[in-house]
Amino acid sequence: MIDFKGNHYTKGVILYAVFFYVRYAVSYRDLEEIMEERGVEVDHATLNRWVVKYSPIIASKAQRRKSRISSSWRMDETYIKVKGKWVYYYRAVDENGKTLDFMLSEQRDAKAARRFFKQAIDTNNVPDKVVIDKSGANLAGLLWTNVMLKFTNDSKLIKILQVKYLNNIVEQDHRFIKKLTRPMMGFKSFHSASATLQGIEIAHMIRKYQFGRTTQSVFQQFAALAG
């Protein structure tokens, strides 16, 4: 269970603010006004601290509770602006569009791709197949991953496909993330960008029923992930 002790506001208020920011296309100034209309006076700096602090914790818990995913993956990267510069956002979904994993990186190279695939495999197990675009860096990252897998007990290797049209599903999924980050007018730090994106991804996963179908609202499911 996430510890909310020491905060001036209740757990419910904090989770509502975090959820609203990562689910809807608003700025912190907008959210400050929305909270005030609901009788909660909290400044935008505090709202930012809540999002950056609690989004990664909720995301970590959520990754362990998401439903089973396919062993056929689609991986691609997109761009996010941080401190006025573009950085790289690695994402993977399965063949049905369910979100697997995500990682923000300042570099777009084989090392970053290796790091992403290791993270995704640690969280989701070894896939049978990964579809990527024509990126040489992503291919190098997967080849390195296969070399490492040869030394494990099961020595299962990943089938690699570089077929652009098969990757349309992950490219389309990027659009929802970009739609939400656009009104945020650029992130001020890499850390805050990474933390906020984790919250956005979890809200998106709830919309895709990755934690099961339920009569609960999207916010209620988000709050339940916080314990």
Foldseek 3Di string as FASTA:
>chain_A
DDDPPPDPDDPVLLLVLLLCLLAAQAALVVSQVVVVVVVDHDHSVVSLVSLLPCLVVLLVLVLQQFAAAALEKEKDWDWAFAQNDTWIKIWMHHLVLATQDIDTGRDDALVVLLVRVVVSCVSHNHGQEYEYAPDPSNVSSLVVVLVVLCPDPVSRHHHYHHDVVSNVSVVVVVVVLCSRCVSNVHHHDPSSVRSSSSNNSLLVNVVVQRNHDDPDDSSVVSSVSSD
